[in-house]
Amino acid sequence: MKDVILPGDVKRMLSQEAEALRTGRAALVAAREETAATRAKANTAQLLQGNPVLLRLREIEALAQVAGGSGNTVVVAVPAELMAGLSGGGRQGSPPE
């Protein structure tokens, strides 16, 4: 077989075709990853919807992450019943009203 010398236009065309294939494959991989991430978020949403305690734990994790930086102040709304129990204002040993 002899060495084949391709004209510049043909080389450019082949190069553009190869680049288009690489770009197409990259877009396909990105779309698959985005679909997988969306499915994972949907699964997480279903878990959190069915388990309020798990949702609260996620909220606390998020707050801890935000508060982790220096100089950050986090204000959290806490139910009055919980605060009364923590401050000793609640009656111990008596059933809830």
PDB file of N, CA and C in Angstrom:
ATOM      1  N   MET A   1       0.845  -1.170   0.000  1.00  0.00           N
ATOM      2  CA  MET A   1       0.000   0.000   0.000  1.00  0.00           C
ATOM      3  C   MET A   1       0.895   1.240   0.000  1.00  0.00           C
ATOM      4  N   LYS A   2       0.500   2.200  -0.700  1.00  0.00           N
ATOM      5  CA  LYS A   2       1.265   3.445  -0.814  1.00  0.00           C
ATOM      6  C   LYS A   2       0.753   4.452   0.209  1.00  0.00           C
ATOM      7  N   ASP A   3       1.619   5.376   0.559  1.00  0.00           N
ATOM      8  CA  ASP A   3       1.188   6.494   1.400  1.00  0.00           C
ATOM      9  C   ASP A   3       0.201   7.333   0.611  1.00  0.00           C
ATOM     10  N   VAL A   4      -0.881   7.671   1.262  1.00  0.00           N
ATOM     11  CA  VAL A   4      -1.893   8.491   0.612  1.00  0.00           C
ATOM     12  C   VAL A   4      -1.798   9.889   1.191  1.00  0.00           C
ATOM     13  N   ILE A   5      -1.680  10.851   0.357  1.00  0.00           N
ATOM     14  CA  ILE A   5      -1.636  12.248   0.782  1.00  0.00           C
ATOM     15  C   ILE A   5      -3.004  12.848   0.481  1.00  0.00           C
ATOM     16  N   LEU A   6      -3.654  13.265   1.539  1.00  0.00           N
ATOM     17  CA  LEU A   6      -4.994  13.830   1.391  1.00  0.00           C
ATOM     18  C   LEU A   6      -4.904  15.342   1.243  1.00  0.00           C
ATOM     19  N   PRO A   7      -5.765  15.891   0.419  1.00  0.00           N
ATOM     20  CA  PRO A   7      -5.806  17.345   0.308  1.00  0.00           C
ATOM     21  C   PRO A   7      -6.246  17.973   1.641  1.00  0.00           C
ATOM     22  N   GLY A   8      -5.899  19.230   1.854  1.00  0.00           N
ATOM     23  CA  GLY A   8      -6.217  19.941   3.098  1.00  0.00           C
ATOM     24  C   GLY A   8      -7.690  19.948   3.433  1.00  0.00           C
ATOM     25  N   ASP A   9      -8.546  20.107   2.416  1.00  0.00           N
ATOM     26  CA  ASP A   9      -9.995  20.132   2.662  1.00  0.00           C
ATOM     27  C   ASP A   9     -10.487  18.794   3.197  1.00  0.00           C
ATOM     28  N   VAL A  10      -9.976  17.709   2.673  1.00  0.00           N
ATOM     29  CA  VAL A  10     -10.388  16.382   3.111  1.00  0.00           C
ATOM     30  C   VAL A  10      -9.912  16.151   4.548  1.00  0.00           C
ATOM     31  N   LYS A  11      -8.689  16.566   4.859  1.00  0.00           N
ATOM     32  CA  LYS A  11      -8.175  16.425   6.231  1.00  0.00           C
ATOM     33  C   LYS A  11      -9.046  17.206   7.214  1.00  0.00           C
ATOM     34  N   ARG A  12      -9.413  18.436   6.814  1.00  0.00           N
ATOM     35  CA  ARG A  12     -10.265  19.266   7.681  1.00  0.00           C
ATOM     36  C   ARG A  12     -11.625  18.606   7.889  1.00  0.00           C
ATOM     37  N   MET A  13     -12.192  18.061   6.819  1.00  0.00           N
ATOM     38  CA  MET A  13     -13.479  17.400   6.914  1.00  0.00           C
ATOM     39  C   MET A  13     -13.418  16.194   7.851  1.00  0.00           C
ATOM     40  N   LEU A  14     -12.394  15.387   7.723  1.00  0.00           N
ATOM     41  CA  LEU A  14     -12.240  14.213   8.591  1.00  0.00           C
ATOM     42  C   LEU A  14     -12.045  14.640  10.043  1.00  0.00           C
ATOM     43  N   SER A  15     -11.276  15.692  10.233  1.00  0.00           N
ATOM     44  CA  SER A  15     -11.047  16.204  11.586  1.00  0.00           C
ATOM     45  C   SER A  15     -12.349  16.720  12.199  1.00  0.00           C
ATOM     46  N   GLN A  16     -13.144  17.437  11.411  1.00  0.00           N
ATOM     47  CA  GLN A  16     -14.426  17.955  11.909  1.00  0.00           C
ATOM     48  C   GLN A  16     -15.386  16.818  12.237  1.00  0.00           C
ATOM     49  N   GLU A  17     -15.365  15.773  11.418  1.00  0.00           N
ATOM     50  CA  GLU A  17     -16.235  14.626  11.674  1.00  0.00           C
ATOM     51  C   GLU A  17     -15.840  13.925  12.972  1.00  0.00           C
ATOM     52  N   ALA A  18     -14.544  13.753  13.178  1.00  0.00           N
ATOM     53  CA  ALA A  18     -14.080  13.120  14.416  1.00  0.00           C
ATOM     54  C   ALA A  18     -14.449  13.970  15.627  1.00  0.00           C
ATOM     55  N   GLU A  19     -14.307  15.281  15.505  1.00  0.00           N
ATOM     56  CA  GLU A  19     -14.661  16.184  16.604  1.00  0.00           C
ATOM     57  C   GLU A  19     -16.161  16.124  16.888  1.00  0.00           C
ATOM     58  N   ALA A  20     -16.981  16.049  15.838  1.00  0.00           N
ATOM     59  CA  ALA A  20     -18.430  15.961  16.012  1.00  0.00           C
ATOM     60  C   ALA A  20     -18.810  14.665  16.725  1.00  0.00           C
ATOM     61  N   LEU A  21     -18.132  13.580  16.399  1.00  0.00           N
ATOM     62  CA  LEU A  21     -18.403  12.310  17.082  1.00  0.00           C
ATOM     63  C   LEU A  21     -18.046  12.401  18.566  1.00  0.00           C
ATOM     64  N   ARG A  22     -16.900  12.994  18.871  1.00  0.00           N
ATOM     65  CA  ARG A  22     -16.496  13.155  20.279  1.00  0.00           C
ATOM     66  C   ARG A  22     -17.491  14.031  21.032  1.00  0.00           C
ATOM     67  N   THR A  23     -17.918  15.108  20.402  1.00  0.00           N
ATOM     68  CA  THR A  23     -18.876  16.016  21.039  1.00  0.00           C
ATOM     69  C   THR A  23     -20.211  15.307  21.278  1.00  0.00           C
ATOM     70  N   GLY A  24     -20.643  14.529  20.304  1.00  0.00           N
ATOM     71  CA  GLY A  24     -21.896  13.789  20.435  1.00  0.00           C
ATOM     72  C   GLY A  24     -21.835  12.771  21.562  1.00  0.00           C
ATOM     73  N   ARG A  25     -20.722  12.060  21.656  1.00  0.00           N
ATOM     74  CA  ARG A  25     -20.567  11.076  22.742  1.00  0.00           C
ATOM     75  C   ARG A  25     -20.545  11.772  24.099  1.00  0.00           C
ATOM     76  N   ALA A  26     -19.865  12.904  24.175  1.00  0.00           N
ATOM     77  CA  ALA A  26     -19.812  13.646  25.442  1.00  0.00           C
ATOM     78  C   ALA A  26     -21.204  14.123  25.851  1.00  0.00           C
ATOM     79  N   ALA A  27     -21.984  14.586  24.885  1.00  0.00           N
ATOM     80  CA  ALA A  27     -23.350  15.036  25.188  1.00  0.00           C
ATOM     81  C   ALA A  27     -24.211  13.871  25.659  1.00  0.00           C
ATOM     82  N   LEU A  28     -24.025  12.706  25.058  1.00  0.00           N
ATOM     83  CA  LEU A  28     -24.785  11.524  25.462  1.00  0.00           C
ATOM     84  C   LEU A  28     -24.443  11.106  26.893  1.00  0.00           C
ATOM     85  N   VAL A  29     -23.169  11.116  27.220  1.00  0.00           N
ATOM     86  CA  VAL A  29     -22.741  10.775  28.582  1.00  0.00           C
ATOM     87  C   VAL A  29     -23.314  11.779  29.580  1.00  0.00           C
ATOM     88  N   ALA A  30     -23.262  13.064  29.247  1.00  0.00           N
ATOM     89  CA  ALA A  30     -23.798  14.099  30.145  1.00  0.00           C
ATOM     90  C   ALA A  30     -25.297  13.915  30.354  1.00  0.00           C
ATOM     91  N   ALA A  31     -26.019  13.585  29.285  1.00  0.00           N
ATOM     92  CA  ALA A  31     -27.468  13.375  29.401  1.00  0.00           C
ATOM     93  C   ALA A  31     -27.774  12.173  30.280  1.00  0.00           C
ATOM     94  N   ARG A  32     -27.004  11.108  30.141  1.00  0.00           N
ATOM     95  CA  ARG A  32     -27.215   9.923  30.987  1.00  0.00           C
ATOM     96  C   ARG A  32     -26.946  10.247  32.454  1.00  0.00           C
ATOM     97  N   GLU A  33     -25.890  10.993  32.716  1.00  0.00           N
ATOM     98  CA  GLU A  33     -25.565  11.366  34.101  1.00  0.00           C
ATOM     99  C   GLU A  33     -26.659  12.255  34.693  1.00  0.00           C
ATOM    100  N   GLU A  34     -27.168  13.178  33.887  1.00  0.00           N
ATOM    101  CA  GLU A  34     -28.234  14.062  34.373  1.00  0.00           C
ATOM    102  C   GLU A  34     -29.495  13.262  34.678  1.00  0.00           C
ATOM    103  N   THR A  35     -29.810  12.292  33.825  1.00  0.00           N
ATOM    104  CA  THR A  35     -30.977  11.440  34.057  1.00  0.00           C
ATOM    105  C   THR A  35     -30.814  10.640  35.344  1.00  0.00           C
ATOM    106  N   ALA A  36     -29.626  10.089  35.555  1.00  0.00           N
ATOM    107  CA  ALA A  36     -29.369   9.317  36.775  1.00  0.00           C
ATOM    108  C   ALA A  36     -29.493  10.208  38.011  1.00  0.00           C
ATOM    109  N   ALA A  37     -28.972  11.427  37.930  1.00  0.00           N
ATOM    110  CA  ALA A  37     -29.060  12.351  39.066  1.00  0.00           C
ATOM    111  C   ALA A  37     -30.512  12.722  39.349  1.00  0.00           C
ATOM    112  N   THR A  38     -31.293  12.925  38.305  1.00  0.00           N
ATOM    113  CA  THR A  38     -32.707  13.268  38.486  1.00  0.00           C
ATOM    114  C   THR A  38     -33.468  12.118  39.121  1.00  0.00           C
ATOM    115  N   ARG A  39     -33.164  10.884  38.684  1.00  0.00           N
ATOM    116  CA  ARG A  39     -33.814   9.722  39.293  1.00  0.00           C
ATOM    117  C   ARG A  39     -33.449   9.605  40.768  1.00  0.00           C
ATOM    118  N   ALA A  40     -32.184   9.850  41.092  1.00  0.00           N
ATOM    119  CA  ALA A  40     -31.745   9.776  42.486  1.00  0.00           C
ATOM    120  C   ALA A  40     -32.475  10.823  43.329  1.00  0.00           C
ATOM    121  N   LYS A  41     -32.650  12.026  42.788  1.00  0.00           N
ATOM    122  CA  LYS A  41     -33.373  13.071  43.521  1.00  0.00           C
ATOM    123  C   LYS A  41     -34.840  12.689  43.718  1.00  0.00           C
ATOM    124  N   ALA A  42     -35.441  12.088  42.693  1.00  0.00           N
ATOM    125  CA  ALA A  42     -36.839  11.662  42.809  1.00  0.00           C
ATOM    126  C   ALA A  42     -36.988  10.573  43.869  1.00  0.00           C
ATOM    127  N   ASN A  43     -36.046   9.632  43.897  1.00  0.00           N
ATOM    128  CA  ASN A  43     -36.080   8.578  44.918  1.00  0.00           C
ATOM    129  C   ASN A  43     -35.917   9.173  46.315  1.00  0.00           C
ATOM    130  N   THR A  44     -35.010  10.124  46.444  1.00  0.00           N
ATOM    131  CA  THR A  44     -34.800  10.784  47.732  1.00  0.00           C
ATOM    132  C   THR A  44     -36.064  11.524  48.166  1.00  0.00           C
ATOM    133  N   ALA A  45     -36.707  12.200  47.233  1.00  0.00           N
ATOM    134  CA  ALA A  45     -37.934  12.936  47.559  1.00  0.00           C
ATOM    135  C   ALA A  45     -39.021  11.986  48.059  1.00  0.00           C
ATOM    136  N   GLN A  46     -39.136  10.807  47.436  1.00  0.00           N
ATOM    137  CA  GLN A  46     -40.131   9.831  47.893  1.00  0.00           C
ATOM    138  C   GLN A  46     -39.809   9.340  49.302  1.00  0.00           C
ATOM    139  N   LEU A  47     -38.531   9.086  49.570  1.00  0.00           N
ATOM    140  CA  LEU A  47     -38.141   8.657  50.920  1.00  0.00           C
ATOM    141  C   LEU A  47     -38.457   9.725  51.951  1.00  0.00           C
ATOM    142  N   LEU A  48     -38.122  10.968  51.627  1.00  0.00           N
ATOM    143  CA  LEU A  48     -38.345  12.056  52.572  1.00  0.00           C
ATOM    144  C   LEU A  48     -39.829  12.307  52.784  1.00  0.00           C
ATOM    145  N   GLN A  49     -40.628  12.144  51.738  1.00  0.00           N
ATOM    146  CA  GLN A  49     -42.066  12.349  51.857  1.00  0.00           C
ATOM    147  C   GLN A  49     -42.690  11.311  52.785  1.00  0.00           C
ATOM    148  N   GLY A  50     -42.190  10.094  52.726  1.00  0.00           N
ATOM    149  CA  GLY A  50     -42.761   9.027  53.541  1.00  0.00           C
ATOM    150  C   GLY A  50     -42.199   8.956  54.950  1.00  0.00           C
ATOM    151  N   ASN A  51     -41.153   9.725  55.239  1.00  0.00           N
ATOM    152  CA  ASN A  51     -40.520   9.635  56.548  1.00  0.00           C
ATOM    153  C   ASN A  51     -40.142  11.034  57.039  1.00  0.00           C
ATOM    154  N   PRO A  52     -41.024  11.687  57.806  1.00  0.00           N
ATOM    155  CA  PRO A  52     -40.760  13.050  58.267  1.00  0.00           C
ATOM    156  C   PRO A  52     -39.520  13.161  59.157  1.00  0.00           C
ATOM    157  N   VAL A  53     -39.187  12.108  59.886  1.00  0.00           N
ATOM    158  CA  VAL A  53     -37.995  12.149  60.741  1.00  0.00           C
ATOM    159  C   VAL A  53     -36.750  12.239  59.874  1.00  0.00           C
ATOM    160  N   LEU A  54     -36.729  11.495  58.786  1.00  0.00           N
ATOM    161  CA  LEU A  54     -35.605  11.541  57.867  1.00  0.00           C
ATOM    162  C   LEU A  54     -35.481  12.931  57.245  1.00  0.00           C
ATOM    163  N   LEU A  55     -36.611  13.545  56.917  1.00  0.00           N
ATOM    164  CA  LEU A  55     -36.599  14.903  56.386  1.00  0.00           C
ATOM    165  C   LEU A  55     -36.001  15.873  57.400  1.00  0.00           C
ATOM    166  N   ARG A  56     -36.388  15.724  58.652  1.00  0.00           N
ATOM    167  CA  ARG A  56     -35.855  16.607  59.707  1.00  0.00           C
ATOM    168  C   ARG A  56     -34.350  16.416  59.869  1.00  0.00           C
ATOM    169  N   LEU A  57     -33.891  15.162  59.787  1.00  0.00           N
ATOM    170  CA  LEU A  57     -32.451  14.914  59.878  1.00  0.00           C
ATOM    171  C   LEU A  57     -31.702  15.579  58.731  1.00  0.00           C
ATOM    172  N   ARG A  58     -32.270  15.542  57.528  1.00  0.00           N
ATOM    173  CA  ARG A  58     -31.643  16.207  56.378  1.00  0.00           C
ATOM    174  C   ARG A  58     -31.577  17.712  56.605  1.00  0.00           C
ATOM    175  N   GLU A  59     -32.641  18.275  57.181  1.00  0.00           N
ATOM    176  CA  GLU A  59     -32.644  19.708  57.477  1.00  0.00           C
ATOM    177  C   GLU A  59     -31.536  20.057  58.468  1.00  0.00           C
ATOM    178  N   ILE A  60     -31.385  19.223  59.500  1.00  0.00           N
ATOM    179  CA  ILE A  60     -30.351  19.468  60.511  1.00  0.00           C
ATOM    180  C   ILE A  60     -28.963  19.358  59.893  1.00  0.00           C
ATOM    181  N   GLU A  61     -28.760  18.365  59.006  1.00  0.00           N
ATOM    182  CA  GLU A  61     -27.472  18.232  58.318  1.00  0.00           C
ATOM    183  C   GLU A  61     -27.165  19.479  57.489  1.00  0.00           C
ATOM    184  N   ALA A  62     -28.174  19.980  56.794  1.00  0.00           N
ATOM    185  CA  ALA A  62     -27.979  21.175  55.973  1.00  0.00           C
ATOM    186  C   ALA A  62     -27.638  22.377  56.847  1.00  0.00           C
ATOM    187  N   LEU A  63     -28.332  22.514  57.970  1.00  0.00           N
ATOM    188  CA  LEU A  63     -28.037  23.615  58.893  1.00  0.00           C
ATOM    189  C   LEU A  63     -26.625  23.507  59.453  1.00  0.00           C
ATOM    190  N   ALA A  64     -26.210  22.295  59.799  1.00  0.00           N
ATOM    191  CA  ALA A  64     -24.860  22.096  60.327  1.00  0.00           C
ATOM    192  C   ALA A  64     -23.812  22.467  59.284  1.00  0.00           C
ATOM    193  N   GLN A  65     -24.096  22.154  58.032  1.00  0.00           N
ATOM    194  CA  GLN A  65     -23.156  22.486  56.966  1.00  0.00           C
ATOM    195  C   GLN A  65     -23.070  24.003  56.779  1.00  0.00           C
ATOM    196  N   VAL A  66     -24.214  24.679  56.817  1.00  0.00           N
ATOM    197  CA  VAL A  66     -24.230  26.131  56.663  1.00  0.00           C
ATOM    198  C   VAL A  66     -23.535  26.794  57.842  1.00  0.00           C
ATOM    199  N   ALA A  67     -23.782  26.291  59.035  1.00  0.00           N
ATOM    200  CA  ALA A  67     -23.223  26.892  60.244  1.00  0.00           C
ATOM    201  C   ALA A  67     -21.746  26.556  60.424  1.00  0.00           C
ATOM    202  N   GLY A  68     -21.232  25.639  59.636  1.00  0.00           N
ATOM    203  CA  GLY A  68     -19.846  25.207  59.788  1.00  0.00           C
ATOM    204  C   GLY A  68     -18.825  26.291  59.524  1.00  0.00           C
ATOM    205  N   GLY A  69     -19.152  27.244  58.676  1.00  0.00           N
ATOM    206  CA  GLY A  69     -18.209  28.319  58.367  1.00  0.00           C
ATOM    207  C   GLY A  69     -18.092  29.297  59.517  1.00  0.00           C
ATOM    208  N   SER A  70     -16.948  29.937  59.602  1.00  0.00           N
ATOM    209  CA  SER A  70     -16.768  30.897  60.690  1.00  0.00           C
ATOM    210  C   SER A  70     -17.528  32.174  60.368  1.00  0.00           C
ATOM    211  N   GLY A  71     -18.094  32.768  61.384  1.00  0.00           N
ATOM    212  CA  GLY A  71     -18.812  34.017  61.223  1.00  0.00           C
ATOM    213  C   GLY A  71     -20.245  33.858  60.760  1.00  0.00           C
ATOM    214  N   ASN A  72     -20.714  32.620  60.622  1.00  0.00           N
ATOM    215  CA  ASN A  72     -22.096  32.394  60.197  1.00  0.00           C
ATOM    216  C   ASN A  72     -23.010  32.330  61.408  1.00  0.00           C
ATOM    217  N   THR A  73     -24.179  32.918  61.269  1.00  0.00           N
ATOM    218  CA  THR A  73     -25.201  32.843  62.299  1.00  0.00           C
ATOM    219  C   THR A  73     -26.417  32.180  61.686  1.00  0.00           C
ATOM    220  N   VAL A  74     -26.902  31.135  62.331  1.00  0.00           N
ATOM    221  CA  VAL A  74     -28.060  30.412  61.825  1.00  0.00           C
ATOM    222  C   VAL A  74     -29.186  30.562  62.829  1.00  0.00           C
ATOM    223  N   VAL A  75     -30.348  30.984  62.344  1.00  0.00           N
ATOM    224  CA  VAL A  75     -31.530  31.126  63.185  1.00  0.00           C
ATOM    225  C   VAL A  75     -32.475  29.994  62.815  1.00  0.00           C
ATOM    226  N   VAL A  76     -32.874  29.218  63.821  1.00  0.00           N
ATOM    227  CA  VAL A  76     -33.719  28.053  63.595  1.00  0.00           C
ATOM    228  C   VAL A  76     -35.026  28.223  64.346  1.00  0.00           C
ATOM    229  N   ALA A  77     -36.128  27.961  63.650  1.00  0.00           N
ATOM    230  CA  ALA A  77     -37.432  27.992  64.300  1.00  0.00           C
ATOM    231  C   ALA A  77     -37.650  26.646  64.989  1.00  0.00           C
ATOM    232  N   VAL A  78     -37.900  26.690  66.280  1.00  0.00           N
ATOM    233  CA  VAL A  78     -38.107  25.478  67.071  1.00  0.00           C
ATOM    234  C   VAL A  78     -39.494  25.560  67.694  1.00  0.00           C
ATOM    235  N   PRO A  79     -40.262  24.465  67.618  1.00  0.00           N
ATOM    236  CA  PRO A  79     -41.604  24.481  68.220  1.00  0.00           C
ATOM    237  C   PRO A  79     -41.540  24.815  69.710  1.00  0.00           C
ATOM    238  N   ALA A  80     -42.534  25.549  70.174  1.00  0.00           N
ATOM    239  CA  ALA A  80     -42.575  25.987  71.571  1.00  0.00           C
ATOM    240  C   ALA A  80     -42.595  24.795  72.525  1.00  0.00           C
ATOM    241  N   GLU A  81     -43.259  23.700  72.143  1.00  0.00           N
ATOM    242  CA  GLU A  81     -43.329  22.525  73.017  1.00  0.00           C
ATOM    243  C   GLU A  81     -41.932  21.949  73.259  1.00  0.00           C
ATOM    244  N   LEU A  82     -41.133  21.945  72.226  1.00  0.00           N
ATOM    245  CA  LEU A  82     -39.780  21.418  72.361  1.00  0.00           C
ATOM    246  C   LEU A  82     -38.941  22.325  73.258  1.00  0.00           C
ATOM    247  N   MET A  83     -39.072  23.620  73.071  1.00  0.00           N
ATOM    248  CA  MET A  83     -38.311  24.559  73.895  1.00  0.00           C
ATOM    249  C   MET A  83     -38.727  24.459  75.359  1.00  0.00           C
ATOM    250  N   ALA A  84     -40.018  24.279  75.610  1.00  0.00           N
ATOM    251  CA  ALA A  84     -40.496  24.163  76.990  1.00  0.00           C
ATOM    252  C   ALA A  84     -39.907  22.916  77.628  1.00  0.00           C
ATOM    253  N   GLY A  85     -39.808  21.836  76.862  1.00  0.00           N
ATOM    254  CA  GLY A  85     -39.237  20.602  77.394  1.00  0.00           C
ATOM    255  C   GLY A  85     -37.744  20.733  77.655  1.00  0.00           C
ATOM    256  N   LEU A  86     -37.050  21.460  76.810  1.00  0.00           N
ATOM    257  CA  LEU A  86     -35.605  21.626  76.984  1.00  0.00           C
ATOM    258  C   LEU A  86     -35.256  22.567  78.121  1.00  0.00           C
ATOM    259  N   SER A  87     -36.083  23.586  78.330  1.00  0.00           N
ATOM    260  CA  SER A  87     -35.770  24.578  79.360  1.00  0.00           C
ATOM    261  C   SER A  87     -36.240  24.154  80.739  1.00  0.00           C
ATOM    262  N   GLY A  88     -36.891  23.005  80.834  1.00  0.00           N
ATOM    263  CA  GLY A  88     -37.364  22.549  82.140  1.00  0.00           C
ATOM    264  C   GLY A  88     -38.737  23.092  82.467  1.00  0.00           C
ATOM    265  N   GLY A  89     -39.327  23.826  81.522  1.00  0.00           N
ATOM    266  CA  GLY A  89     -40.654  24.392  81.746  1.00  0.00           C
ATOM    267  C   GLY A  89     -41.742  23.337  81.681  1.00  0.00           C
ATOM    268  N   GLY A  90     -41.419  22.220  81.063  1.00  0.00           N
ATOM    269  CA  GLY A  90     -42.412  21.148  80.972  1.00  0.00           C
ATOM    270  C   GLY A  90     -42.485  20.384  82.274  1.00  0.00           C
ATOM    271  N   ARG A  91     -43.622  19.777  82.543  1.00  0.00           N
ATOM    272  CA  ARG A  91     -43.796  19.001  83.763  1.00  0.00           C
ATOM    273  C   ARG A  91     -43.335  17.591  83.523  1.00  0.00           C
ATOM    274  N   GLN A  92     -42.372  17.142  84.300  1.00  0.00           N
ATOM    275  CA  GLN A  92     -41.852  15.801  84.131  1.00  0.00           C
ATOM    276  C   GLN A  92     -42.782  14.808  84.824  1.00  0.00           C
ATOM    277  N   GLY A  93     -42.964  13.664  84.168  1.00  0.00           N
ATOM    278  CA  GLY A  93     -43.759  12.633  84.767  1.00  0.00           C
ATOM    279  C   GLY A  93     -45.236  12.754  84.521  1.00  0.00           C
ATOM    280  N   SER A  94     -45.704  13.899  84.051  1.00  0.00           N
ATOM    281  CA  SER A  94     -47.130  14.042  83.788  1.00  0.00           C
ATOM    282  C   SER A  94     -47.391  13.820  82.307  1.00  0.00           C
ATOM    283  N   PRO A  95     -48.556  13.260  81.992  1.00  0.00           N
ATOM    284  CA  PRO A  95     -48.874  13.008  80.589  1.00  0.00           C
ATOM    285  C   PRO A  95     -49.092  14.318  79.836  1.00  0.00           C
ATOM    286  N   PRO A  96     -48.849  14.308  78.522  1.00  0.00           N
ATOM    287  CA  PRO A  96     -49.088  15.541  77.749  1.00  0.00           C
ATOM    288  C   PRO A  96     -50.562  15.870  77.716  1.00  0.00           C
ATOM    289  N   GLU A  97     -50.865  17.135  77.642  1.00  0.00           N
ATOM    290  CA  GLU A  97     -52.273  17.585  77.653  1.00  0.00           C
ATOM    291  C   GLU A  97     -52.854  17.538  76.283  1.00  0.00           C
TER     292      GLU A  97
END
